[in-house]
Amino acid sequence: MKTVNAEQAAESIFVLLKANPWLNTPEVMTENDFHAKDEAILFLQRMAIHGVNGFGDTSEPAQRIASGFLLDFMGKLMQAEHPLNRKTWLVDDSKSLIDQALQIIAAELIENHHQTQAMH
């Protein structure tokens, strides 16, 4: 196991996006896309835990949200003033950068899900 910083996390997510170009094709979101937020989160969780080769039967709005999330997350990691830029993650260093990216995404989804649940 090793600890990675935001720069290393962004690099691993970049490798994930480069290896899976279908993840890196966000379209313009519509005002109705927000309703697919939970489906997008479920897709990202499934991707992070089990790995996937495509969006499968994920709806187009959820696809747009998932792609947007990944690009936004990578962008925030690279912004010096963003709190994520100061964060670290524990990853399995025997795994590929893609698998490490999936570990980081899973950790963020779990942490954000718990924060959302605590607010309700």
PDB file of N, CA and C in Angstrom:
ATOM      1  N   MET A   1       0.853  -1.182   0.000  1.00  0.00           N
ATOM      2  CA  MET A   1       0.000   0.000   0.000  1.00  0.00           C
ATOM      3  C   MET A   1       0.894   1.238   0.000  1.00  0.00           C
ATOM      4  N   LYS A   2       0.361   2.273  -0.623  1.00  0.00           N
ATOM      5  CA  LYS A   2       1.081   3.546  -0.613  1.00  0.00           C
ATOM      6  C   LYS A   2       0.071   4.678  -0.584  1.00  0.00           C
ATOM      7  N   THR A   3       0.539   5.822  -0.146  1.00  0.00           N
ATOM      8  CA  THR A   3      -0.283   7.022  -0.114  1.00  0.00           C
ATOM      9  C   THR A   3       0.026   7.847  -1.350  1.00  0.00           C
ATOM     10  N   VAL A   4      -1.040   8.294  -2.034  1.00  0.00           N
ATOM     11  CA  VAL A   4      -0.858   9.139  -3.213  1.00  0.00           C
ATOM     12  C   VAL A   4      -1.466  10.510  -2.936  1.00  0.00           C
ATOM     13  N   ASN A   5      -0.824  11.524  -3.520  1.00  0.00           N
ATOM     14  CA  ASN A   5      -1.330  12.879  -3.374  1.00  0.00           C
ATOM     15  C   ASN A   5      -2.263  13.206  -4.538  1.00  0.00           C
ATOM     16  N   ALA A   6      -2.754  14.434  -4.573  1.00  0.00           N
ATOM     17  CA  ALA A   6      -3.714  14.837  -5.599  1.00  0.00           C
ATOM     18  C   ALA A   6      -3.119  14.770  -7.001  1.00  0.00           C
ATOM     19  N   GLU A   7      -1.856  15.148  -7.151  1.00  0.00           N
ATOM     20  CA  GLU A   7      -1.230  15.103  -8.468  1.00  0.00           C
ATOM     21  C   GLU A   7      -1.165  13.665  -8.982  1.00  0.00           C
ATOM     22  N   GLN A   8      -0.783  12.741  -8.106  1.00  0.00           N
ATOM     23  CA  GLN A   8      -0.718  11.331  -8.496  1.00  0.00           C
ATOM     24  C   GLN A   8      -2.120  10.775  -8.767  1.00  0.00           C
ATOM     25  N   ALA A   9      -3.095  11.214  -7.970  1.00  0.00           N
ATOM     26  CA  ALA A   9      -4.479  10.776  -8.185  1.00  0.00           C
ATOM     27  C   ALA A   9      -4.981  11.266  -9.542  1.00  0.00           C
ATOM     28  N   ALA A  10      -4.704  12.530  -9.860  1.00  0.00           N
ATOM     29  CA  ALA A  10      -5.121  13.073 -11.163  1.00  0.00           C
ATOM     30  C   ALA A  10      -4.463  12.310 -12.303  1.00  0.00           C
ATOM     31  N   GLU A  11      -3.193  11.969 -12.134  1.00  0.00           N
ATOM     32  CA  GLU A  11      -2.486  11.209 -13.167  1.00  0.00           C
ATOM     33  C   GLU A  11      -3.143   9.845 -13.373  1.00  0.00           C
ATOM     34  N   SER A  12      -3.520   9.176 -12.296  1.00  0.00           N
ATOM     35  CA  SER A  12      -4.134   7.855 -12.438  1.00  0.00           C
ATOM     36  C   SER A  12      -5.513   7.963 -13.086  1.00  0.00           C
ATOM     37  N   ILE A  13      -6.259   9.009 -12.768  1.00  0.00           N
ATOM     38  CA  ILE A  13      -7.568   9.196 -13.398  1.00  0.00           C
ATOM     39  C   ILE A  13      -7.394   9.528 -14.877  1.00  0.00           C
ATOM     40  N   PHE A  14      -6.363  10.307 -15.205  1.00  0.00           N
ATOM     41  CA  PHE A  14      -6.057  10.600 -16.606  1.00  0.00           C
ATOM     42  C   PHE A  14      -5.782   9.294 -17.365  1.00  0.00           C
ATOM     43  N   VAL A  15      -5.005   8.408 -16.760  1.00  0.00           N
ATOM     44  CA  VAL A  15      -4.702   7.109 -17.386  1.00  0.00           C
ATOM     45  C   VAL A  15      -5.993   6.305 -17.572  1.00  0.00           C
ATOM     46  N   LEU A  16      -6.868   6.322 -16.569  1.00  0.00           N
ATOM     47  CA  LEU A  16      -8.165   5.637 -16.668  1.00  0.00           C
ATOM     48  C   LEU A  16      -8.978   6.188 -17.844  1.00  0.00           C
ATOM     49  N   LEU A  17      -9.061   7.512 -17.953  1.00  0.00           N
ATOM     50  CA  LEU A  17      -9.834   8.134 -19.024  1.00  0.00           C
ATOM     51  C   LEU A  17      -9.219   7.860 -20.395  1.00  0.00           C
ATOM     52  N   LYS A  18      -7.902   7.880 -20.461  1.00  0.00           N
ATOM     53  CA  LYS A  18      -7.218   7.623 -21.727  1.00  0.00           C
ATOM     54  C   LYS A  18      -7.444   6.175 -22.175  1.00  0.00           C
ATOM     55  N   ALA A  19      -7.440   5.243 -21.234  1.00  0.00           N
ATOM     56  CA  ALA A  19      -7.628   3.828 -21.556  1.00  0.00           C
ATOM     57  C   ALA A  19      -9.090   3.499 -21.871  1.00  0.00           C
ATOM     58  N   ASN A  20      -9.992   4.353 -21.423  1.00  0.00           N
ATOM     59  CA  ASN A  20     -11.429   4.126 -21.617  1.00  0.00           C
ATOM     60  C   ASN A  20     -12.060   5.380 -22.219  1.00  0.00           C
ATOM     61  N   PRO A  21     -11.805   5.636 -23.506  1.00  0.00           N
ATOM     62  CA  PRO A  21     -12.268   6.894 -24.103  1.00  0.00           C
ATOM     63  C   PRO A  21     -13.782   7.099 -24.032  1.00  0.00           C
ATOM     64  N   TRP A  22     -14.535   6.024 -23.920  1.00  0.00           N
ATOM     65  CA  TRP A  22     -15.986   6.150 -23.785  1.00  0.00           C
ATOM     66  C   TRP A  22     -16.373   6.887 -22.496  1.00  0.00           C
ATOM     67  N   LEU A  23     -15.494   6.875 -21.488  1.00  0.00           N
ATOM     68  CA  LEU A  23     -15.743   7.629 -20.253  1.00  0.00           C
ATOM     69  C   LEU A  23     -15.491   9.124 -20.445  1.00  0.00           C
ATOM     70  N   ASN A  24     -14.727   9.453 -21.455  1.00  0.00           N
ATOM     71  CA  ASN A  24     -14.245  10.816 -21.668  1.00  0.00           C
ATOM     72  C   ASN A  24     -15.003  11.510 -22.799  1.00  0.00           C
ATOM     73  N   THR A  25     -16.278  11.212 -22.925  1.00  0.00           N
ATOM     74  CA  THR A  25     -17.055  11.801 -24.000  1.00  0.00           C
ATOM     75  C   THR A  25     -18.334  12.434 -23.467  1.00  0.00           C
ATOM     76  N   PRO A  26     -18.195  13.383 -22.554  1.00  0.00           N
ATOM     77  CA  PRO A  26     -19.413  13.987 -22.005  1.00  0.00           C
ATOM     78  C   PRO A  26     -20.107  14.844 -23.063  1.00  0.00           C
ATOM     79  N   GLU A  27     -21.400  14.791 -23.028  1.00  0.00           N
ATOM     80  CA  GLU A  27     -22.192  15.660 -23.882  1.00  0.00           C
ATOM     81  C   GLU A  27     -22.711  16.795 -23.015  1.00  0.00           C
ATOM     82  N   VAL A  28     -23.386  17.726 -23.636  1.00  0.00           N
ATOM     83  CA  VAL A  28     -23.958  18.842 -22.899  1.00  0.00           C
ATOM     84  C   VAL A  28     -25.091  18.316 -22.026  1.00  0.00           C
ATOM     85  N   MET A  29     -25.038  18.650 -20.748  1.00  0.00           N
ATOM     86  CA  MET A  29     -26.080  18.205 -19.840  1.00  0.00           C
ATOM     87  C   MET A  29     -27.334  19.057 -20.041  1.00  0.00           C
ATOM     88  N   THR A  30     -28.463  18.446 -19.750  1.00  0.00           N
ATOM     89  CA  THR A  30     -29.733  19.152 -19.818  1.00  0.00           C
ATOM     90  C   THR A  30     -30.236  19.364 -18.397  1.00  0.00           C
ATOM     91  N   GLU A  31     -31.246  20.200 -18.261  1.00  0.00           N
ATOM     92  CA  GLU A  31     -31.775  20.474 -16.919  1.00  0.00           C
ATOM     93  C   GLU A  31     -32.420  19.238 -16.305  1.00  0.00           C
ATOM     94  N   ASN A  32     -32.832  18.285 -17.116  1.00  0.00           N
ATOM     95  CA  ASN A  32     -33.451  17.061 -16.599  1.00  0.00           C
ATOM     96  C   ASN A  32     -32.436  16.011 -16.173  1.00  0.00           C
ATOM     97  N   ASP A  33     -31.166  16.202 -16.510  1.00  0.00           N
ATOM     98  CA  ASP A  33     -30.138  15.212 -16.167  1.00  0.00           C
ATOM     99  C   ASP A  33     -30.003  15.021 -14.662  1.00  0.00           C
ATOM    100  N   PHE A  34     -30.283  16.049 -13.883  1.00  0.00           N
ATOM    101  CA  PHE A  34     -30.123  15.955 -12.433  1.00  0.00           C
ATOM    102  C   PHE A  34     -30.886  14.751 -11.867  1.00  0.00           C
ATOM    103  N   HIS A  35     -31.995  14.404 -12.479  1.00  0.00           N
ATOM    104  CA  HIS A  35     -32.804  13.285 -11.987  1.00  0.00           C
ATOM    105  C   HIS A  35     -32.095  11.940 -12.144  1.00  0.00           C
ATOM    106  N   ALA A  36     -31.031  11.905 -12.934  1.00  0.00           N
ATOM    107  CA  ALA A  36     -30.281  10.662 -13.137  1.00  0.00           C
ATOM    108  C   ALA A  36     -29.055  10.586 -12.229  1.00  0.00           C
ATOM    109  N   LYS A  37     -28.958  11.495 -11.273  1.00  0.00           N
ATOM    110  CA  LYS A  37     -27.799  11.554 -10.377  1.00  0.00           C
ATOM    111  C   LYS A  37     -27.571  10.233  -9.645  1.00  0.00           C
ATOM    112  N   ASP A  38     -28.611   9.650  -9.082  1.00  0.00           N
ATOM    113  CA  ASP A  38     -28.447   8.402  -8.329  1.00  0.00           C
ATOM    114  C   ASP A  38     -28.000   7.258  -9.231  1.00  0.00           C
ATOM    115  N   GLU A  39     -28.542   7.213 -10.446  1.00  0.00           N
ATOM    116  CA  GLU A  39     -28.129   6.183 -11.398  1.00  0.00           C
ATOM    117  C   GLU A  39     -26.652   6.365 -11.767  1.00  0.00           C
ATOM    118  N   ALA A  40     -26.220   7.608 -11.936  1.00  0.00           N
ATOM    119  CA  ALA A  40     -24.811   7.883 -12.261  1.00  0.00           C
ATOM    120  C   ALA A  40     -23.902   7.439 -11.119  1.00  0.00           C
ATOM    121  N   ILE A  41     -24.319   7.698  -9.887  1.00  0.00           N
ATOM    122  CA  ILE A  41     -23.525   7.294  -8.721  1.00  0.00           C
ATOM    123  C   ILE A  41     -23.444   5.765  -8.652  1.00  0.00           C
ATOM    124  N   LEU A  42     -24.560   5.095  -8.912  1.00  0.00           N
ATOM    125  CA  LEU A  42     -24.539   3.626  -8.916  1.00  0.00           C
ATOM    126  C   LEU A  42     -23.606   3.098  -9.996  1.00  0.00           C
ATOM    127  N   PHE A  43     -23.633   3.721 -11.182  1.00  0.00           N
ATOM    128  CA  PHE A  43     -22.722   3.295 -12.239  1.00  0.00           C
ATOM    129  C   PHE A  43     -21.272   3.464 -11.798  1.00  0.00           C
ATOM    130  N   LEU A  44     -20.939   4.633 -11.226  1.00  0.00           N
ATOM    131  CA  LEU A  44     -19.559   4.887 -10.790  1.00  0.00           C
ATOM    132  C   LEU A  44     -19.139   3.911  -9.698  1.00  0.00           C
ATOM    133  N   GLN A  45     -20.051   3.589  -8.796  1.00  0.00           N
ATOM    134  CA  GLN A  45     -19.738   2.599  -7.761  1.00  0.00           C
ATOM    135  C   GLN A  45     -19.469   1.238  -8.379  1.00  0.00           C
ATOM    136  N   ARG A  46     -20.318   0.830  -9.312  1.00  0.00           N
ATOM    137  CA  ARG A  46     -20.137  -0.462  -9.987  1.00  0.00           C
ATOM    138  C   ARG A  46     -18.807  -0.473 -10.735  1.00  0.00           C
ATOM    139  N   MET A  47     -18.495   0.638 -11.412  1.00  0.00           N
ATOM    140  CA  MET A  47     -17.238   0.736 -12.155  1.00  0.00           C
ATOM    141  C   MET A  47     -16.052   0.640 -11.199  1.00  0.00           C
ATOM    142  N   ALA A  48     -16.129   1.347 -10.077  1.00  0.00           N
ATOM    143  CA  ALA A  48     -15.015   1.374  -9.140  1.00  0.00           C
ATOM    144  C   ALA A  48     -14.803   0.031  -8.455  1.00  0.00           C
ATOM    145  N   ILE A  49     -15.866  -0.705  -8.227  1.00  0.00           N
ATOM    146  CA  ILE A  49     -15.751  -1.974  -7.498  1.00  0.00           C
ATOM    147  C   ILE A  49     -15.482  -3.144  -8.437  1.00  0.00           C
ATOM    148  N   HIS A  50     -16.214  -3.194  -9.550  1.00  0.00           N
ATOM    149  CA  HIS A  50     -16.149  -4.364 -10.421  1.00  0.00           C
ATOM    150  C   HIS A  50     -15.433  -4.117 -11.741  1.00  0.00           C
ATOM    151  N   GLY A  51     -15.240  -2.857 -12.105  1.00  0.00           N
ATOM    152  CA  GLY A  51     -14.693  -2.547 -13.419  1.00  0.00           C
ATOM    153  C   GLY A  51     -15.766  -2.766 -14.480  1.00  0.00           C
ATOM    154  N   VAL A  52     -15.752  -1.976 -15.501  1.00  0.00           N
ATOM    155  CA  VAL A  52     -16.728  -2.098 -16.584  1.00  0.00           C
ATOM    156  C   VAL A  52     -16.043  -1.777 -17.909  1.00  0.00           C
ATOM    157  N   ASN A  53     -16.637  -2.240 -19.000  1.00  0.00           N
ATOM    158  CA  ASN A  53     -16.080  -2.003 -20.333  1.00  0.00           C
ATOM    159  C   ASN A  53     -16.868  -0.978 -21.115  1.00  0.00           C
ATOM    160  N   GLY A  54     -17.948  -0.486 -20.557  1.00  0.00           N
ATOM    161  CA  GLY A  54     -18.795   0.477 -21.240  1.00  0.00           C
ATOM    162  C   GLY A  54     -19.940   0.868 -20.327  1.00  0.00           C
ATOM    163  N   PHE A  55     -20.781   1.759 -20.821  1.00  0.00           N
ATOM    164  CA  PHE A  55     -21.898   2.226 -20.008  1.00  0.00           C
ATOM    165  C   PHE A  55     -23.024   1.210 -19.905  1.00  0.00           C
ATOM    166  N   GLY A  56     -23.045   0.232 -20.803  1.00  0.00           N
ATOM    167  CA  GLY A  56     -24.098  -0.779 -20.750  1.00  0.00           C
ATOM    168  C   GLY A  56     -25.466  -0.152 -20.887  1.00  0.00           C
ATOM    169  N   ASP A  57     -26.367  -0.493 -19.975  1.00  0.00           N
ATOM    170  CA  ASP A  57     -27.731   0.023 -20.053  1.00  0.00           C
ATOM    171  C   ASP A  57     -27.932   1.304 -19.239  1.00  0.00           C
ATOM    172  N   THR A  58     -26.839   1.952 -18.862  1.00  0.00           N
ATOM    173  CA  THR A  58     -26.922   3.219 -18.133  1.00  0.00           C
ATOM    174  C   THR A  58     -27.548   4.270 -19.048  1.00  0.00           C
ATOM    175  N   SER A  59     -28.508   5.013 -18.527  1.00  0.00           N
ATOM    176  CA  SER A  59     -29.204   6.016 -19.341  1.00  0.00           C
ATOM    177  C   SER A  59     -28.239   7.109 -19.807  1.00  0.00           C
ATOM    178  N   GLU A  60     -28.603   7.777 -20.891  1.00  0.00           N
ATOM    179  CA  GLU A  60     -27.749   8.846 -21.410  1.00  0.00           C
ATOM    180  C   GLU A  60     -27.550   9.974 -20.404  1.00  0.00           C
ATOM    181  N   PRO A  61     -28.602  10.405 -19.684  1.00  0.00           N
ATOM    182  CA  PRO A  61     -28.363  11.444 -18.680  1.00  0.00           C
ATOM    183  C   PRO A  61     -27.360  10.997 -17.604  1.00  0.00           C
ATOM    184  N   ALA A  62     -27.455   9.742 -17.157  1.00  0.00           N
ATOM    185  CA  ALA A  62     -26.519   9.233 -16.148  1.00  0.00           C
ATOM    186  C   ALA A  62     -25.109   9.134 -16.723  1.00  0.00           C
ATOM    187  N   GLN A  63     -24.997   8.801 -17.996  1.00  0.00           N
ATOM    188  CA  GLN A  63     -23.691   8.763 -18.651  1.00  0.00           C
ATOM    189  C   GLN A  63     -23.059  10.151 -18.644  1.00  0.00           C
ATOM    190  N   ARG A  64     -23.855  11.169 -18.960  1.00  0.00           N
ATOM    191  CA  ARG A  64     -23.336  12.545 -18.974  1.00  0.00           C
ATOM    192  C   ARG A  64     -22.872  12.963 -17.581  1.00  0.00           C
ATOM    193  N   ILE A  65     -23.646  12.602 -16.565  1.00  0.00           N
ATOM    194  CA  ILE A  65     -23.278  12.955 -15.195  1.00  0.00           C
ATOM    195  C   ILE A  65     -22.004  12.228 -14.782  1.00  0.00           C
ATOM    196  N   ALA A  66     -21.911  10.931 -15.074  1.00  0.00           N
ATOM    197  CA  ALA A  66     -20.728  10.147 -14.692  1.00  0.00           C
ATOM    198  C   ALA A  66     -19.471  10.691 -15.375  1.00  0.00           C
ATOM    199  N   SER A  67     -19.552  10.958 -16.671  1.00  0.00           N
ATOM    200  CA  SER A  67     -18.403  11.520 -17.387  1.00  0.00           C
ATOM    201  C   SER A  67     -18.027  12.880 -16.823  1.00  0.00           C
ATOM    202  N   GLY A  68     -19.038  13.694 -16.597  1.00  0.00           N
ATOM    203  CA  GLY A  68     -18.791  15.021 -16.034  1.00  0.00           C
ATOM    204  C   GLY A  68     -18.149  14.952 -14.655  1.00  0.00           C
ATOM    205  N   PHE A  69     -18.606  13.997 -13.833  1.00  0.00           N
ATOM    206  CA  PHE A  69     -18.027  13.831 -12.504  1.00  0.00           C
ATOM    207  C   PHE A  69     -16.533  13.522 -12.584  1.00  0.00           C
ATOM    208  N   LEU A  70     -16.179  12.582 -13.455  1.00  0.00           N
ATOM    209  CA  LEU A  70     -14.776  12.174 -13.556  1.00  0.00           C
ATOM    210  C   LEU A  70     -13.897  13.323 -14.040  1.00  0.00           C
ATOM    211  N   LEU A  71     -14.359  14.060 -15.041  1.00  0.00           N
ATOM    212  CA  LEU A  71     -13.577  15.192 -15.551  1.00  0.00           C
ATOM    213  C   LEU A  71     -13.496  16.298 -14.508  1.00  0.00           C
ATOM    214  N   ASP A  72     -14.610  16.563 -13.822  1.00  0.00           N
ATOM    215  CA  ASP A  72     -14.629  17.595 -12.782  1.00  0.00           C
ATOM    216  C   ASP A  72     -13.717  17.205 -11.622  1.00  0.00           C
ATOM    217  N   PHE A  73     -13.775  15.940 -11.219  1.00  0.00           N
ATOM    218  CA  PHE A  73     -12.936  15.451 -10.123  1.00  0.00           C
ATOM    219  C   PHE A  73     -11.458  15.622 -10.467  1.00  0.00           C
ATOM    220  N   MET A  74     -11.081  15.233 -11.678  1.00  0.00           N
ATOM    221  CA  MET A  74      -9.686  15.373 -12.096  1.00  0.00           C
ATOM    222  C   MET A  74      -9.292  16.849 -12.110  1.00  0.00           C
ATOM    223  N   GLY A  75     -10.175  17.697 -12.590  1.00  0.00           N
ATOM    224  CA  GLY A  75      -9.889  19.129 -12.614  1.00  0.00           C
ATOM    225  C   GLY A  75      -9.698  19.704 -11.218  1.00  0.00           C
ATOM    226  N   LYS A  76     -10.535  19.301 -10.281  1.00  0.00           N
ATOM    227  CA  LYS A  76     -10.418  19.786  -8.902  1.00  0.00           C
ATOM    228  C   LYS A  76      -9.110  19.325  -8.263  1.00  0.00           C
ATOM    229  N   LEU A  77      -8.691  18.111  -8.597  1.00  0.00           N
ATOM    230  CA  LEU A  77      -7.428  17.606  -8.057  1.00  0.00           C
ATOM    231  C   LEU A  77      -6.250  18.481  -8.491  1.00  0.00           C
ATOM    232  N   MET A  78      -6.361  19.090  -9.663  1.00  0.00           N
ATOM    233  CA  MET A  78      -5.257  19.877 -10.210  1.00  0.00           C
ATOM    234  C   MET A  78      -5.328  21.361  -9.842  1.00  0.00           C
ATOM    235  N   GLN A  79      -6.400  21.786  -9.193  1.00  0.00           N
ATOM    236  CA  GLN A  79      -6.537  23.185  -8.782  1.00  0.00           C
ATOM    237  C   GLN A  79      -5.891  23.378  -7.417  1.00  0.00           C
ATOM    238  N   ALA A  80      -4.855  24.184  -7.376  1.00  0.00           N
ATOM    239  CA  ALA A  80      -4.095  24.381  -6.130  1.00  0.00           C
ATOM    240  C   ALA A  80      -4.979  24.853  -4.978  1.00  0.00           C
ATOM    241  N   GLU A  81      -5.996  25.653  -5.271  1.00  0.00           N
ATOM    242  CA  GLU A  81      -6.818  26.225  -4.204  1.00  0.00           C
ATOM    243  C   GLU A  81      -7.969  25.301  -3.768  1.00  0.00           C
ATOM    244  N   HIS A  82      -8.185  24.213  -4.466  1.00  0.00           N
ATOM    245  CA  HIS A  82      -9.292  23.322  -4.113  1.00  0.00           C
ATOM    246  C   HIS A  82      -8.883  22.397  -2.965  1.00  0.00           C
ATOM    247  N   PRO A  83      -9.799  22.141  -2.009  1.00  0.00           N
ATOM    248  CA  PRO A  83      -9.477  21.253  -0.876  1.00  0.00           C
ATOM    249  C   PRO A  83      -9.002  19.858  -1.306  1.00  0.00           C
ATOM    250  N   LEU A  84      -9.500  19.332  -2.410  1.00  0.00           N
ATOM    251  CA  LEU A  84      -9.060  18.015  -2.869  1.00  0.00           C
ATOM    252  C   LEU A  84      -7.578  18.005  -3.229  1.00  0.00           C
ATOM    253  N   ASN A  85      -7.027  19.165  -3.560  1.00  0.00           N
ATOM    254  CA  ASN A  85      -5.621  19.254  -3.935  1.00  0.00           C
ATOM    255  C   ASN A  85      -4.699  18.947  -2.754  1.00  0.00           C
ATOM    256  N   ARG A  86      -5.209  19.036  -1.544  1.00  0.00           N
ATOM    257  CA  ARG A  86      -4.401  18.776  -0.345  1.00  0.00           C
ATOM    258  C   ARG A  86      -4.684  17.401   0.263  1.00  0.00           C
ATOM    259  N   LYS A  87      -5.504  16.634  -0.395  1.00  0.00           N
ATOM    260  CA  LYS A  87      -5.931  15.344   0.138  1.00  0.00           C
ATOM    261  C   LYS A  87      -4.994  14.230  -0.326  1.00  0.00           C
ATOM    262  N   THR A  88      -4.986  13.123   0.417  1.00  0.00           N
ATOM    263  CA  THR A  88      -4.226  11.937   0.025  1.00  0.00           C
ATOM    264  C   THR A  88      -5.150  10.719   0.106  1.00  0.00           C
ATOM    265  N   TRP A  89      -4.765   9.671  -0.612  1.00  0.00           N
ATOM    266  CA  TRP A  89      -5.522   8.423  -0.648  1.00  0.00           C
ATOM    267  C   TRP A  89      -4.559   7.260  -0.491  1.00  0.00           C
ATOM    268  N   LEU A  90      -5.022   6.213   0.156  1.00  0.00           N
ATOM    269  CA  LEU A  90      -4.243   4.987   0.298  1.00  0.00           C
ATOM    270  C   LEU A  90      -4.673   4.040  -0.815  1.00  0.00           C
ATOM    271  N   VAL A  91      -3.693   3.608  -1.625  1.00  0.00           N
ATOM    272  CA  VAL A  91      -3.982   2.707  -2.745  1.00  0.00           C
ATOM    273  C   VAL A  91      -3.039   1.510  -2.697  1.00  0.00           C
ATOM    274  N   ASP A  92      -3.428   0.474  -3.396  1.00  0.00           N
ATOM    275  CA  ASP A  92      -2.614  -0.732  -3.499  1.00  0.00           C
ATOM    276  C   ASP A  92      -1.570  -0.516  -4.593  1.00  0.00           C
ATOM    277  N   ASP A  93      -0.319  -0.369  -4.191  1.00  0.00           N
ATOM    278  CA  ASP A  93       0.733  -0.065  -5.169  1.00  0.00           C
ATOM    279  C   ASP A  93       1.124  -1.271  -6.029  1.00  0.00           C
ATOM    280  N   SER A  94       0.554  -2.444  -5.753  1.00  0.00           N
ATOM    281  CA  SER A  94       0.804  -3.584  -6.625  1.00  0.00           C
ATOM    282  C   SER A  94      -0.164  -3.581  -7.813  1.00  0.00           C
ATOM    283  N   LYS A  95      -1.124  -2.677  -7.797  1.00  0.00           N
ATOM    284  CA  LYS A  95      -2.127  -2.577  -8.855  1.00  0.00           C
ATOM    285  C   LYS A  95      -1.714  -1.542  -9.892  1.00  0.00           C
ATOM    286  N   SER A  96      -2.351  -1.607 -11.052  1.00  0.00           N
ATOM    287  CA  SER A  96      -2.086  -0.650 -12.133  1.00  0.00           C
ATOM    288  C   SER A  96      -2.618   0.741 -11.746  1.00  0.00           C
ATOM    289  N   LEU A  97      -2.183   1.756 -12.493  1.00  0.00           N
ATOM    290  CA  LEU A  97      -2.689   3.115 -12.257  1.00  0.00           C
ATOM    291  C   LEU A  97      -4.202   3.175 -12.445  1.00  0.00           C
ATOM    292  N   ILE A  98      -4.715   2.398 -13.388  1.00  0.00           N
ATOM    293  CA  ILE A  98      -6.168   2.371 -13.608  1.00  0.00           C
ATOM    294  C   ILE A  98      -6.872   1.832 -12.366  1.00  0.00           C
ATOM    295  N   ASP A  99      -6.375   0.736 -11.821  1.00  0.00           N
ATOM    296  CA  ASP A  99      -6.980   0.176 -10.610  1.00  0.00           C
ATOM    297  C   ASP A  99      -6.829   1.130  -9.425  1.00  0.00           C
ATOM    298  N   GLN A 100      -5.710   1.833  -9.358  1.00  0.00           N
ATOM    299  CA  GLN A 100      -5.530   2.824  -8.300  1.00  0.00           C
ATOM    300  C   GLN A 100      -6.535   3.961  -8.464  1.00  0.00           C
ATOM    301  N   ALA A 101      -6.779   4.387  -9.705  1.00  0.00           N
ATOM    302  CA  ALA A 101      -7.781   5.427  -9.958  1.00  0.00           C
ATOM    303  C   ALA A 101      -9.152   4.954  -9.476  1.00  0.00           C
ATOM    304  N   LEU A 102      -9.483   3.707  -9.769  1.00  0.00           N
ATOM    305  CA  LEU A 102     -10.771   3.168  -9.336  1.00  0.00           C
ATOM    306  C   LEU A 102     -10.862   3.114  -7.816  1.00  0.00           C
ATOM    307  N   GLN A 103      -9.759   2.820  -7.127  1.00  0.00           N
ATOM    308  CA  GLN A 103      -9.744   2.825  -5.663  1.00  0.00           C
ATOM    309  C   GLN A 103     -10.010   4.234  -5.132  1.00  0.00           C
ATOM    310  N   ILE A 104      -9.408   5.231  -5.760  1.00  0.00           N
ATOM    311  CA  ILE A 104      -9.592   6.622  -5.343  1.00  0.00           C
ATOM    312  C   ILE A 104     -11.033   7.054  -5.574  1.00  0.00           C
ATOM    313  N   ILE A 105     -11.583   6.715  -6.736  1.00  0.00           N
ATOM    314  CA  ILE A 105     -12.974   7.064  -7.042  1.00  0.00           C
ATOM    315  C   ILE A 105     -13.911   6.405  -6.036  1.00  0.00           C
ATOM    316  N   ALA A 106     -13.679   5.129  -5.736  1.00  0.00           N
ATOM    317  CA  ALA A 106     -14.512   4.418  -4.762  1.00  0.00           C
ATOM    318  C   ALA A 106     -14.438   5.093  -3.396  1.00  0.00           C
ATOM    319  N   ALA A 107     -13.239   5.480  -2.976  1.00  0.00           N
ATOM    320  CA  ALA A 107     -13.075   6.140  -1.679  1.00  0.00           C
ATOM    321  C   ALA A 107     -13.835   7.460  -1.639  1.00  0.00           C
ATOM    322  N   GLU A 108     -13.779   8.224  -2.709  1.00  0.00           N
ATOM    323  CA  GLU A 108     -14.494   9.502  -2.757  1.00  0.00           C
ATOM    324  C   GLU A 108     -15.997   9.300  -2.755  1.00  0.00           C
ATOM    325  N   LEU A 109     -16.469   8.306  -3.494  1.00  0.00           N
ATOM    326  CA  LEU A 109     -17.905   8.037  -3.508  1.00  0.00           C
ATOM    327  C   LEU A 109     -18.395   7.630  -2.130  1.00  0.00           C
ATOM    328  N   ILE A 110     -17.637   6.774  -1.456  1.00  0.00           N
ATOM    329  CA  ILE A 110     -18.022   6.330  -0.113  1.00  0.00           C
ATOM    330  C   ILE A 110     -18.023   7.512   0.851  1.00  0.00           C
ATOM    331  N   GLU A 111     -16.959   8.315   0.815  1.00  0.00           N
ATOM    332  CA  GLU A 111     -16.871   9.459   1.726  1.00  0.00           C
ATOM    333  C   GLU A 111     -17.994  10.453   1.469  1.00  0.00           C
ATOM    334  N   ASN A 112     -18.246  10.769   0.211  1.00  0.00           N
ATOM    335  CA  ASN A 112     -19.293  11.737  -0.108  1.00  0.00           C
ATOM    336  C   ASN A 112     -20.676  11.182   0.192  1.00  0.00           C
ATOM    337  N   HIS A 113     -20.873   9.882   0.012  1.00  0.00           N
ATOM    338  CA  HIS A 113     -22.157   9.261   0.336  1.00  0.00           C
ATOM    339  C   HIS A 113     -22.415   9.368   1.831  1.00  0.00           C
ATOM    340  N   HIS A 114     -21.394   9.113   2.653  1.00  0.00           N
ATOM    341  CA  HIS A 114     -21.559   9.207   4.105  1.00  0.00           C
ATOM    342  C   HIS A 114     -21.834  10.640   4.526  1.00  0.00           C
ATOM    343  N   GLN A 115     -21.182  11.620   3.879  1.00  0.00           N
ATOM    344  CA  GLN A 115     -21.436  13.027   4.205  1.00  0.00           C
ATOM    345  C   GLN A 115     -22.861  13.401   3.845  1.00  0.00           C
ATOM    346  N   THR A 116     -23.343  12.925   2.710  1.00  0.00           N
ATOM    347  CA  THR A 116     -24.718  13.204   2.270  1.00  0.00           C
ATOM    348  C   THR A 116     -25.711  12.588   3.234  1.00  0.00           C
ATOM    349  N   GLN A 117     -25.440  11.343   3.659  1.00  0.00           N
ATOM    350  CA  GLN A 117     -26.354  10.662   4.592  1.00  0.00           C
ATOM    351  C   GLN A 117     -26.385  11.395   5.934  1.00  0.00           C
ATOM    352  N   ALA A 118     -25.253  11.918   6.383  1.00  0.00           N
ATOM    353  CA  ALA A 118     -25.186  12.611   7.670  1.00  0.00           C
ATOM    354  C   ALA A 118     -25.982  13.910   7.651  1.00  0.00           C
ATOM    355  N   MET A 119     -26.125  14.521   6.467  1.00  0.00           N
ATOM    356  CA  MET A 119     -26.844  15.780   6.364  1.00  0.00           C
ATOM    357  C   MET A 119     -28.346  15.565   6.408  1.00  0.00           C
ATOM    358  N   HIS A 120     -28.837  14.334   6.194  1.00  0.00           N
ATOM    359  CA  HIS A 120     -30.281  14.074   6.177  1.00  0.00           C
ATOM    360  C   HIS A 120     -30.798  13.715   7.535  1.00  0.00           C
TER     361      HIS A 120
END
